[in-house]
Amino acid sequence: MSRPPRDVNPERAIVNVLLLLSQRIDKPCPTRDELMAQTGYQQRALRPFLQMLQDQGLIEIESRALKRANLKRMRVAGGRWTGWTKRKGKRAAPVVPSYE
């Protein structure tokens, strides 16, 4: 049995994501848990929500698949990038240099 979906205010979630990204410039990209906490979306709804923001031109997402790790960075459209996703633990992804 699954949990019922949370009541999420989409306008507030959009503002929270844009604010979070503007505060994380040159710092590691927000993790999935941080994005879920800021938006109120559950894990299964978070990726479609972020894709919708990208399709509307509000944010940009860049991804790289490296050995065992999917790195991402995000930015408000036309703004400065956050750092790449930072991972902890034994399987931490290598630091990827910026090409800007």
PDB file of N, CA and C in Angstrom:
ATOM      1  N   MET A   1       0.849  -1.171   0.000  1.00  0.00           N
ATOM      2  CA  MET A   1       0.000   0.000   0.000  1.00  0.00           C
ATOM      3  C   MET A   1       0.896   1.236   0.000  1.00  0.00           C
ATOM      4  N   SER A   2       0.621   2.163  -0.874  1.00  0.00           N
ATOM      5  CA  SER A   2       1.461   3.347  -0.975  1.00  0.00           C
ATOM      6  C   SER A   2       0.846   4.507  -0.200  1.00  0.00           C
ATOM      7  N   ARG A   3       1.699   5.462   0.060  1.00  0.00           N
ATOM      8  CA  ARG A   3       1.239   6.658   0.756  1.00  0.00           C
ATOM      9  C   ARG A   3       0.444   7.538  -0.196  1.00  0.00           C
ATOM     10  N   PRO A   4      -0.521   8.256   0.336  1.00  0.00           N
ATOM     11  CA  PRO A   4      -1.222   9.206  -0.533  1.00  0.00           C
ATOM     12  C   PRO A   4      -0.292  10.370  -0.869  1.00  0.00           C
ATOM     13  N   PRO A   5      -0.446  10.956  -2.051  1.00  0.00           N
ATOM     14  CA  PRO A   5       0.418  12.078  -2.407  1.00  0.00           C
ATOM     15  C   PRO A   5       0.206  13.258  -1.463  1.00  0.00           C
ATOM     16  N   ARG A   6       1.290  13.979  -1.228  1.00  0.00           N
ATOM     17  CA  ARG A   6       1.202  15.167  -0.369  1.00  0.00           C
ATOM     18  C   ARG A   6       0.549  16.303  -1.136  1.00  0.00           C
ATOM     19  N   ASP A   7      -0.071  17.188  -0.385  1.00  0.00           N
ATOM     20  CA  ASP A   7      -0.579  18.407  -1.002  1.00  0.00           C
ATOM     21  C   ASP A   7       0.581  19.355  -1.157  1.00  0.00           C
ATOM     22  N   VAL A   8       0.925  19.678  -2.395  1.00  0.00           N
ATOM     23  CA  VAL A   8       2.068  20.529  -2.681  1.00  0.00           C
ATOM     24  C   VAL A   8       1.574  21.770  -3.410  1.00  0.00           C
ATOM     25  N   ASN A   9       2.062  22.914  -2.981  1.00  0.00           N
ATOM     26  CA  ASN A   9       1.772  24.165  -3.664  1.00  0.00           C
ATOM     27  C   ASN A   9       2.831  24.347  -4.749  1.00  0.00           C
ATOM     28  N   PRO A  10       2.483  24.133  -6.026  1.00  0.00           N
ATOM     29  CA  PRO A  10       3.488  24.185  -7.087  1.00  0.00           C
ATOM     30  C   PRO A  10       4.197  25.534  -7.202  1.00  0.00           C
ATOM     31  N   GLU A  11       3.482  26.625  -6.997  1.00  0.00           N
ATOM     32  CA  GLU A  11       4.103  27.945  -7.087  1.00  0.00           C
ATOM     33  C   GLU A  11       5.166  28.123  -6.003  1.00  0.00           C
ATOM     34  N   ARG A  12       4.851  27.684  -4.812  1.00  0.00           N
ATOM     35  CA  ARG A  12       5.808  27.779  -3.705  1.00  0.00           C
ATOM     36  C   ARG A  12       7.004  26.873  -3.964  1.00  0.00           C
ATOM     37  N   ALA A  13       6.761  25.680  -4.508  1.00  0.00           N
ATOM     38  CA  ALA A  13       7.853  24.751  -4.817  1.00  0.00           C
ATOM     39  C   ALA A  13       8.792  25.353  -5.856  1.00  0.00           C
ATOM     40  N   ILE A  14       8.247  26.012  -6.868  1.00  0.00           N
ATOM     41  CA  ILE A  14       9.074  26.651  -7.899  1.00  0.00           C
ATOM     42  C   ILE A  14       9.944  27.734  -7.283  1.00  0.00           C
ATOM     43  N   VAL A  15       9.351  28.587  -6.471  1.00  0.00           N
ATOM     44  CA  VAL A  15      10.114  29.660  -5.819  1.00  0.00           C
ATOM     45  C   VAL A  15      11.201  29.076  -4.933  1.00  0.00           C
ATOM     46  N   ASN A  16      10.885  28.022  -4.191  1.00  0.00           N
ATOM     47  CA  ASN A  16      11.876  27.400  -3.308  1.00  0.00           C
ATOM     48  C   ASN A  16      13.042  26.817  -4.088  1.00  0.00           C
ATOM     49  N   VAL A  17      12.779  26.190  -5.229  1.00  0.00           N
ATOM     50  CA  VAL A  17      13.859  25.631  -6.047  1.00  0.00           C
ATOM     51  C   VAL A  17      14.735  26.744  -6.593  1.00  0.00           C
ATOM     52  N   LEU A  18      14.127  27.795  -7.122  1.00  0.00           N
ATOM     53  CA  LEU A  18      14.906  28.907  -7.680  1.00  0.00           C
ATOM     54  C   LEU A  18      15.753  29.578  -6.598  1.00  0.00           C
ATOM     55  N   LEU A  19      15.191  29.750  -5.432  1.00  0.00           N
ATOM     56  CA  LEU A  19      15.931  30.342  -4.316  1.00  0.00           C
ATOM     57  C   LEU A  19      17.076  29.429  -3.874  1.00  0.00           C
ATOM     58  N   LEU A  20      16.808  28.151  -3.762  1.00  0.00           N
ATOM     59  CA  LEU A  20      17.838  27.192  -3.366  1.00  0.00           C
ATOM     60  C   LEU A  20      18.993  27.191  -4.365  1.00  0.00           C
ATOM     61  N   LEU A  21      18.684  27.196  -5.654  1.00  0.00           N
ATOM     62  CA  LEU A  21      19.741  27.202  -6.668  1.00  0.00           C
ATOM     63  C   LEU A  21      20.548  28.486  -6.638  1.00  0.00           C
ATOM     64  N   SER A  22      19.890  29.604  -6.405  1.00  0.00           N
ATOM     65  CA  SER A  22      20.631  30.868  -6.355  1.00  0.00           C
ATOM     66  C   SER A  22      21.532  30.943  -5.121  1.00  0.00           C
ATOM     67  N   GLN A  23      21.187  30.230  -4.065  1.00  0.00           N
ATOM     68  CA  GLN A  23      22.026  30.207  -2.859  1.00  0.00           C
ATOM     69  C   GLN A  23      23.166  29.203  -2.967  1.00  0.00           C
ATOM     70  N   ARG A  24      23.085  28.263  -3.911  1.00  0.00           N
ATOM     71  CA  ARG A  24      24.084  27.202  -4.024  1.00  0.00           C
ATOM     72  C   ARG A  24      25.075  27.434  -5.161  1.00  0.00           C
ATOM     73  N   ILE A  25      25.172  28.625  -5.696  1.00  0.00           N
ATOM     74  CA  ILE A  25      26.120  28.916  -6.776  1.00  0.00           C
ATOM     75  C   ILE A  25      27.526  28.600  -6.288  1.00  0.00           C
ATOM     76  N   ASP A  26      28.275  27.858  -7.090  1.00  0.00           N
ATOM     77  CA  ASP A  26      29.653  27.433  -6.806  1.00  0.00           C
ATOM     78  C   ASP A  26      29.761  26.530  -5.577  1.00  0.00           C
ATOM     79  N   LYS A  27      28.651  26.034  -5.082  1.00  0.00           N
ATOM     80  CA  LYS A  27      28.635  25.051  -4.000  1.00  0.00           C
ATOM     81  C   LYS A  27      28.046  23.774  -4.587  1.00  0.00           C
ATOM     82  N   PRO A  28      28.203  22.628  -3.923  1.00  0.00           N
ATOM     83  CA  PRO A  28      27.648  21.397  -4.491  1.00  0.00           C
ATOM     84  C   PRO A  28      26.149  21.506  -4.771  1.00  0.00           C
ATOM     85  N   CYS A  29      25.748  20.864  -5.848  1.00  0.00           N
ATOM     86  CA  CYS A  29      24.345  20.858  -6.259  1.00  0.00           C
ATOM     87  C   CYS A  29      23.478  20.284  -5.135  1.00  0.00           C
ATOM     88  N   PRO A  30      22.273  20.797  -4.951  1.00  0.00           N
ATOM     89  CA  PRO A  30      21.404  20.237  -3.913  1.00  0.00           C
ATOM     90  C   PRO A  30      21.143  18.748  -4.162  1.00  0.00           C
ATOM     91  N   THR A  31      21.113  17.995  -3.102  1.00  0.00           N
ATOM     92  CA  THR A  31      20.836  16.566  -3.216  1.00  0.00           C
ATOM     93  C   THR A  31      19.338  16.352  -3.406  1.00  0.00           C
ATOM     94  N   ARG A  32      18.987  15.131  -3.765  1.00  0.00           N
ATOM     95  CA  ARG A  32      17.575  14.791  -3.935  1.00  0.00           C
ATOM     96  C   ARG A  32      16.812  15.024  -2.633  1.00  0.00           C
ATOM     97  N   ASP A  33      17.417  14.666  -1.505  1.00  0.00           N
ATOM     98  CA  ASP A  33      16.738  14.858  -0.215  1.00  0.00           C
ATOM     99  C   ASP A  33      16.505  16.336   0.076  1.00  0.00           C
ATOM    100  N   GLU A  34      17.483  17.179  -0.240  1.00  0.00           N
ATOM    101  CA  GLU A  34      17.314  18.625  -0.023  1.00  0.00           C
ATOM    102  C   GLU A  34      16.217  19.178  -0.922  1.00  0.00           C
ATOM    103  N   LEU A  35      16.188  18.732  -2.167  1.00  0.00           N
ATOM    104  CA  LEU A  35      15.146  19.198  -3.090  1.00  0.00           C
ATOM    105  C   LEU A  35      13.765  18.728  -2.642  1.00  0.00           C
ATOM    106  N   MET A  36      13.677  17.503  -2.144  1.00  0.00           N
ATOM    107  CA  MET A  36      12.383  17.002  -1.655  1.00  0.00           C
ATOM    108  C   MET A  36      11.924  17.816  -0.448  1.00  0.00           C
ATOM    109  N   ALA A  37      12.857  18.163   0.438  1.00  0.00           N
ATOM    110  CA  ALA A  37      12.503  18.939   1.626  1.00  0.00           C
ATOM    111  C   ALA A  37      12.045  20.348   1.246  1.00  0.00           C
ATOM    112  N   GLN A  38      12.674  20.940   0.261  1.00  0.00           N
ATOM    113  CA  GLN A  38      12.331  22.305  -0.134  1.00  0.00           C
ATOM    114  C   GLN A  38      11.032  22.392  -0.925  1.00  0.00           C
ATOM    115  N   THR A  39      10.755  21.362  -1.732  1.00  0.00           N
ATOM    116  CA  THR A  39       9.573  21.425  -2.589  1.00  0.00           C
ATOM    117  C   THR A  39       8.344  20.768  -1.985  1.00  0.00           C
ATOM    118  N   GLY A  40       8.556  19.746  -1.162  1.00  0.00           N
ATOM    119  CA  GLY A  40       7.426  18.997  -0.623  1.00  0.00           C
ATOM    120  C   GLY A  40       7.029  17.830  -1.510  1.00  0.00           C
ATOM    121  N   TYR A  41       7.672  17.678  -2.665  1.00  0.00           N
ATOM    122  CA  TYR A  41       7.363  16.554  -3.545  1.00  0.00           C
ATOM    123  C   TYR A  41       8.020  15.288  -3.033  1.00  0.00           C
ATOM    124  N   GLN A  42       7.353  14.160  -3.259  1.00  0.00           N
ATOM    125  CA  GLN A  42       7.940  12.868  -2.940  1.00  0.00           C
ATOM    126  C   GLN A  42       8.940  12.501  -4.022  1.00  0.00           C
ATOM    127  N   GLN A  43       9.763  11.511  -3.739  1.00  0.00           N
ATOM    128  CA  GLN A  43      10.852  11.137  -4.640  1.00  0.00           C
ATOM    129  C   GLN A  43      10.353  10.830  -6.048  1.00  0.00           C
ATOM    130  N   ARG A  44       9.255  10.119  -6.175  1.00  0.00           N
ATOM    131  CA  ARG A  44       8.779   9.728  -7.505  1.00  0.00           C
ATOM    132  C   ARG A  44       8.257  10.910  -8.312  1.00  0.00           C
ATOM    133  N   ALA A  45       7.887  11.986  -7.657  1.00  0.00           N
ATOM    134  CA  ALA A  45       7.360  13.152  -8.363  1.00  0.00           C
ATOM    135  C   ALA A  45       8.403  14.243  -8.564  1.00  0.00           C
ATOM    136  N   LEU A  46       9.561  14.112  -7.934  1.00  0.00           N
ATOM    137  CA  LEU A  46      10.563  15.173  -7.997  1.00  0.00           C
ATOM    138  C   LEU A  46      11.175  15.305  -9.388  1.00  0.00           C
ATOM    139  N   ARG A  47      11.579  14.208  -9.993  1.00  0.00           N
ATOM    140  CA  ARG A  47      12.209  14.270 -11.317  1.00  0.00           C
ATOM    141  C   ARG A  47      11.266  14.863 -12.366  1.00  0.00           C
ATOM    142  N   PRO A  48       9.987  14.431 -12.440  1.00  0.00           N
ATOM    143  CA  PRO A  48       9.082  15.076 -13.405  1.00  0.00           C
ATOM    144  C   PRO A  48       8.893  16.571 -13.129  1.00  0.00           C
ATOM    145  N   PHE A  49       8.885  16.948 -11.854  1.00  0.00           N
ATOM    146  CA  PHE A  49       8.754  18.365 -11.502  1.00  0.00           C
ATOM    147  C   PHE A  49       9.960  19.158 -12.013  1.00  0.00           C
ATOM    148  N   LEU A  50      11.173  18.650 -11.771  1.00  0.00           N
ATOM    149  CA  LEU A  50      12.377  19.340 -12.247  1.00  0.00           C
ATOM    150  C   LEU A  50      12.420  19.373 -13.771  1.00  0.00           C
ATOM    151  N   GLN A  51      11.974  18.301 -14.418  1.00  0.00           N
ATOM    152  CA  GLN A  51      11.939  18.273 -15.882  1.00  0.00           C
ATOM    153  C   GLN A  51      10.955  19.308 -16.414  1.00  0.00           C
ATOM    154  N   MET A  52       9.820  19.473 -15.726  1.00  0.00           N
ATOM    155  CA  MET A  52       8.838  20.475 -16.126  1.00  0.00           C
ATOM    156  C   MET A  52       9.434  21.878 -16.022  1.00  0.00           C
ATOM    157  N   LEU A  53      10.204  22.144 -14.950  1.00  0.00           N
ATOM    158  CA  LEU A  53      10.850  23.448 -14.803  1.00  0.00           C
ATOM    159  C   LEU A  53      11.867  23.669 -15.916  1.00  0.00           C
ATOM    160  N   GLN A  54      12.577  22.616 -16.291  1.00  0.00           N
ATOM    161  CA  GLN A  54      13.546  22.736 -17.374  1.00  0.00           C
ATOM    162  C   GLN A  54      12.832  22.966 -18.708  1.00  0.00           C
ATOM    163  N   ASP A  55      11.743  22.266 -18.954  1.00  0.00           N
ATOM    164  CA  ASP A  55      10.982  22.434 -20.194  1.00  0.00           C
ATOM    165  C   ASP A  55      10.397  23.841 -20.317  1.00  0.00           C
ATOM    166  N   GLN A  56      10.048  24.433 -19.181  1.00  0.00           N
ATOM    167  CA  GLN A  56       9.506  25.799 -19.181  1.00  0.00           C
ATOM    168  C   GLN A  56      10.604  26.851 -19.285  1.00  0.00           C
ATOM    169  N   GLY A  57      11.858  26.421 -19.198  1.00  0.00           N
ATOM    170  CA  GLY A  57      12.978  27.356 -19.318  1.00  0.00           C
ATOM    171  C   GLY A  57      13.318  28.089 -18.033  1.00  0.00           C
ATOM    172  N   LEU A  58      12.866  27.584 -16.898  1.00  0.00           N
ATOM    173  CA  LEU A  58      13.153  28.240 -15.620  1.00  0.00           C
ATOM    174  C   LEU A  58      14.504  27.814 -15.048  1.00  0.00           C
ATOM    175  N   ILE A  59      14.876  26.545 -15.260  1.00  0.00           N
ATOM    176  CA  ILE A  59      16.161  26.046 -14.770  1.00  0.00           C
ATOM    177  C   ILE A  59      16.854  25.275 -15.885  1.00  0.00           C
ATOM    178  N   GLU A  60      18.140  25.048 -15.697  1.00  0.00           N
ATOM    179  CA  GLU A  60      18.915  24.210 -16.610  1.00  0.00           C
ATOM    180  C   GLU A  60      19.585  23.133 -15.772  1.00  0.00           C
ATOM    181  N   ILE A  61      19.598  21.913 -16.291  1.00  0.00           N
ATOM    182  CA  ILE A  61      20.200  20.782 -15.596  1.00  0.00           C
ATOM    183  C   ILE A  61      21.208  20.141 -16.539  1.00  0.00           C
ATOM    184  N   GLU A  62      22.408  19.916 -16.041  1.00  0.00           N
ATOM    185  CA  GLU A  62      23.441  19.226 -16.811  1.00  0.00           C
ATOM    186  C   GLU A  62      23.805  17.965 -16.043  1.00  0.00           C
ATOM    187  N   SER A  63      23.885  16.846 -16.754  1.00  0.00           N
ATOM    188  CA  SER A  63      24.196  15.564 -16.120  1.00  0.00           C
ATOM    189  C   SER A  63      25.393  14.920 -16.789  1.00  0.00           C
ATOM    190  N   ARG A  64      26.125  14.150 -16.003  1.00  0.00           N
ATOM    191  CA  ARG A  64      27.229  13.333 -16.505  1.00  0.00           C
ATOM    192  C   ARG A  64      27.160  11.999 -15.818  1.00  0.00           C
ATOM    193  N   ALA A  65      27.322  10.972 -16.600  1.00  0.00           N
ATOM    194  CA  ALA A  65      27.362   9.628 -16.030  1.00  0.00           C
ATOM    195  C   ALA A  65      28.815   9.184 -15.976  1.00  0.00           C
ATOM    196  N   LEU A  66      29.336   9.072 -14.788  1.00  0.00           N
ATOM    197  CA  LEU A  66      30.669   8.536 -14.581  1.00  0.00           C
ATOM    198  C   LEU A  66      30.523   7.193 -13.900  1.00  0.00           C
ATOM    199  N   LYS A  67      31.574   6.454 -13.841  1.00  0.00           N
ATOM    200  CA  LYS A  67      31.555   5.138 -13.220  1.00  0.00           C
ATOM    201  C   LYS A  67      30.757   5.134 -11.917  1.00  0.00           C
ATOM    202  N   ARG A  68      29.649   4.447 -11.917  1.00  0.00           N
ATOM    203  CA  ARG A  68      28.806   4.248 -10.725  1.00  0.00           C
ATOM    204  C   ARG A  68      28.224   5.517 -10.127  1.00  0.00           C
ATOM    205  N   ALA A  69      28.374   6.630 -10.777  1.00  0.00           N
ATOM    206  CA  ALA A  69      27.834   7.860 -10.187  1.00  0.00           C
ATOM    207  C   ALA A  69      27.251   8.736 -11.284  1.00  0.00           C
ATOM    208  N   ASN A  70      26.066   9.211 -11.052  1.00  0.00           N
ATOM    209  CA  ASN A  70      25.479  10.186 -11.954  1.00  0.00           C
ATOM    210  C   ASN A  70      25.639  11.551 -11.305  1.00  0.00           C
ATOM    211  N   LEU A  71      26.420  12.383 -11.923  1.00  0.00           N
ATOM    212  CA  LEU A  71      26.641  13.715 -11.387  1.00  0.00           C
ATOM    213  C   LEU A  71      25.697  14.677 -12.079  1.00  0.00           C
ATOM    214  N   LYS A  72      25.284  15.698 -11.360  1.00  0.00           N
ATOM    215  CA  LYS A  72      24.461  16.723 -11.972  1.00  0.00           C
ATOM    216  C   LYS A  72      24.816  18.068 -11.376  1.00  0.00           C
ATOM    217  N   ARG A  73      24.505  19.087 -12.134  1.00  0.00           N
ATOM    218  CA  ARG A  73      24.569  20.445 -11.628  1.00  0.00           C
ATOM    219  C   ARG A  73      23.403  21.193 -12.242  1.00  0.00           C
ATOM    220  N   MET A  74      22.978  22.227 -11.573  1.00  0.00           N
ATOM    221  CA  MET A  74      21.784  22.954 -11.990  1.00  0.00           C
ATOM    222  C   MET A  74      22.051  24.451 -11.893  1.00  0.00           C
ATOM    223  N   ARG A  75      21.213  25.207 -12.570  1.00  0.00           N
ATOM    224  CA  ARG A  75      21.268  26.655 -12.442  1.00  0.00           C
ATOM    225  C   ARG A  75      19.925  27.247 -12.826  1.00  0.00           C
ATOM    226  N   VAL A  76      19.682  28.443 -12.309  1.00  0.00           N
ATOM    227  CA  VAL A  76      18.539  29.207 -12.762  1.00  0.00           C
ATOM    228  C   VAL A  76      18.869  29.569 -14.198  1.00  0.00           C
ATOM    229  N   ALA A  77      17.909  29.532 -15.086  1.00  0.00           N
ATOM    230  CA  ALA A  77      18.152  29.741 -16.513  1.00  0.00           C
ATOM    231  C   ALA A  77      18.989  30.998 -16.753  1.00  0.00           C
ATOM    232  N   GLY A  78      20.118  30.809 -17.431  1.00  0.00           N
ATOM    233  CA  GLY A  78      21.001  31.927 -17.763  1.00  0.00           C
ATOM    234  C   GLY A  78      21.901  32.373 -16.629  1.00  0.00           C
ATOM    235  N   GLY A  79      21.786  31.757 -15.465  1.00  0.00           N
ATOM    236  CA  GLY A  79      22.580  32.156 -14.305  1.00  0.00           C
ATOM    237  C   GLY A  79      23.867  31.358 -14.210  1.00  0.00           C
ATOM    238  N   ARG A  80      24.466  31.386 -13.031  1.00  0.00           N
ATOM    239  CA  ARG A  80      25.698  30.645 -12.789  1.00  0.00           C
ATOM    240  C   ARG A  80      25.356  29.261 -12.253  1.00  0.00           C
ATOM    241  N   TRP A  81      26.217  28.290 -12.583  1.00  0.00           N
ATOM    242  CA  TRP A  81      26.000  26.897 -12.199  1.00  0.00           C
ATOM    243  C   TRP A  81      26.284  26.666 -10.722  1.00  0.00           C
ATOM    244  N   THR A  82      25.558  25.699 -10.160  1.00  0.00           N
ATOM    245  CA  THR A  82      25.952  25.157  -8.868  1.00  0.00           C
ATOM    246  C   THR A  82      27.160  24.267  -9.137  1.00  0.00           C
ATOM    247  N   GLY A  83      27.814  23.802  -8.097  1.00  0.00           N
ATOM    248  CA  GLY A  83      28.877  22.827  -8.295  1.00  0.00           C
ATOM    249  C   GLY A  83      28.255  21.488  -8.677  1.00  0.00           C
ATOM    250  N   TRP A  84      29.104  20.518  -8.992  1.00  0.00           N
ATOM    251  CA  TRP A  84      28.612  19.181  -9.291  1.00  0.00           C
ATOM    252  C   TRP A  84      28.140  18.513  -8.011  1.00  0.00           C
ATOM    253  N   THR A  85      27.276  17.529  -8.146  1.00  0.00           N
ATOM    254  CA  THR A  85      26.773  16.766  -7.019  1.00  0.00           C
ATOM    255  C   THR A  85      27.942  16.219  -6.217  1.00  0.00           C
ATOM    256  N   LYS A  86      27.879  16.336  -4.927  1.00  0.00           N
ATOM    257  CA  LYS A  86      28.942  15.826  -4.065  1.00  0.00           C
ATOM    258  C   LYS A  86      28.431  14.563  -3.382  1.00  0.00           C
ATOM    259  N   ARG A  87      29.238  13.541  -3.420  1.00  0.00           N
ATOM    260  CA  ARG A  87      28.864  12.269  -2.814  1.00  0.00           C
ATOM    261  C   ARG A  87      29.784  11.962  -1.648  1.00  0.00           C
ATOM    262  N   LYS A  88      29.259  11.279  -0.664  1.00  0.00           N
ATOM    263  CA  LYS A  88      30.042  10.892   0.501  1.00  0.00           C
ATOM    264  C   LYS A  88      30.234   9.389   0.490  1.00  0.00           C
ATOM    265  N   GLY A  89      31.221   8.927   1.204  1.00  0.00           N
ATOM    266  CA  GLY A  89      31.402   7.499   1.378  1.00  0.00           C
ATOM    267  C   GLY A  89      32.471   6.901   0.498  1.00  0.00           C
ATOM    268  N   LYS A  90      32.535   5.581   0.522  1.00  0.00           N
ATOM    269  CA  LYS A  90      33.566   4.844  -0.198  1.00  0.00           C
ATOM    270  C   LYS A  90      33.482   5.041  -1.706  1.00  0.00           C
ATOM    271  N   ARG A  91      32.310   5.163  -2.222  1.00  0.00           N
ATOM    272  CA  ARG A  91      32.128   5.266  -3.666  1.00  0.00           C
ATOM    273  C   ARG A  91      31.928   6.710  -4.108  1.00  0.00           C
ATOM    274  N   ALA A  92      32.610   7.604  -3.464  1.00  0.00           N
ATOM    275  CA  ALA A  92      32.472   9.018  -3.809  1.00  0.00           C
ATOM    276  C   ALA A  92      32.975   9.250  -5.226  1.00  0.00           C
ATOM    277  N   ALA A  93      32.249  10.071  -5.938  1.00  0.00           N
ATOM    278  CA  ALA A  93      32.618  10.380  -7.326  1.00  0.00           C
ATOM    279  C   ALA A  93      33.807  11.325  -7.338  1.00  0.00           C
ATOM    280  N   PRO A  94      34.629  11.230  -8.351  1.00  0.00           N
ATOM    281  CA  PRO A  94      35.773  12.141  -8.442  1.00  0.00           C
ATOM    282  C   PRO A  94      35.303  13.573  -8.704  1.00  0.00           C
ATOM    283  N   VAL A  95      36.118  14.511  -8.327  1.00  0.00           N
ATOM    284  CA  VAL A  95      35.789  15.907  -8.572  1.00  0.00           C
ATOM    285  C   VAL A  95      35.951  16.179 -10.054  1.00  0.00           C
ATOM    286  N   VAL A  96      34.946  16.769 -10.657  1.00  0.00           N
ATOM    287  CA  VAL A  96      34.972  17.056 -12.082  1.00  0.00           C
ATOM    288  C   VAL A  96      35.268  18.536 -12.262  1.00  0.00           C
ATOM    289  N   PRO A  97      36.279  18.886 -13.039  1.00  0.00           N
ATOM    290  CA  PRO A  97      36.593  20.287 -13.226  1.00  0.00           C
ATOM    291  C   PRO A  97      35.521  20.993 -14.065  1.00  0.00           C
ATOM    292  N   SER A  98      35.370  22.259 -13.834  1.00  0.00           N
ATOM    293  CA  SER A  98      34.430  23.061 -14.594  1.00  0.00           C
ATOM    294  C   SER A  98      35.074  23.459 -15.916  1.00  0.00           C
ATOM    295  N   TYR A  99      34.297  23.490 -16.965  1.00  0.00           N
ATOM    296  CA  TYR A  99      34.815  23.841 -18.284  1.00  0.00           C
ATOM    297  C   TYR A  99      34.433  25.251 -18.690  1.00  0.00           C
ATOM    298  N   GLU A 100      34.103  26.080 -17.754  1.00  0.00           N
ATOM    299  CA  GLU A 100      33.723  27.468 -18.073  1.00  0.00           C
ATOM    300  C   GLU A 100      34.881  28.389 -17.942  1.00  0.00           C
TER     301      GLU A 100
END
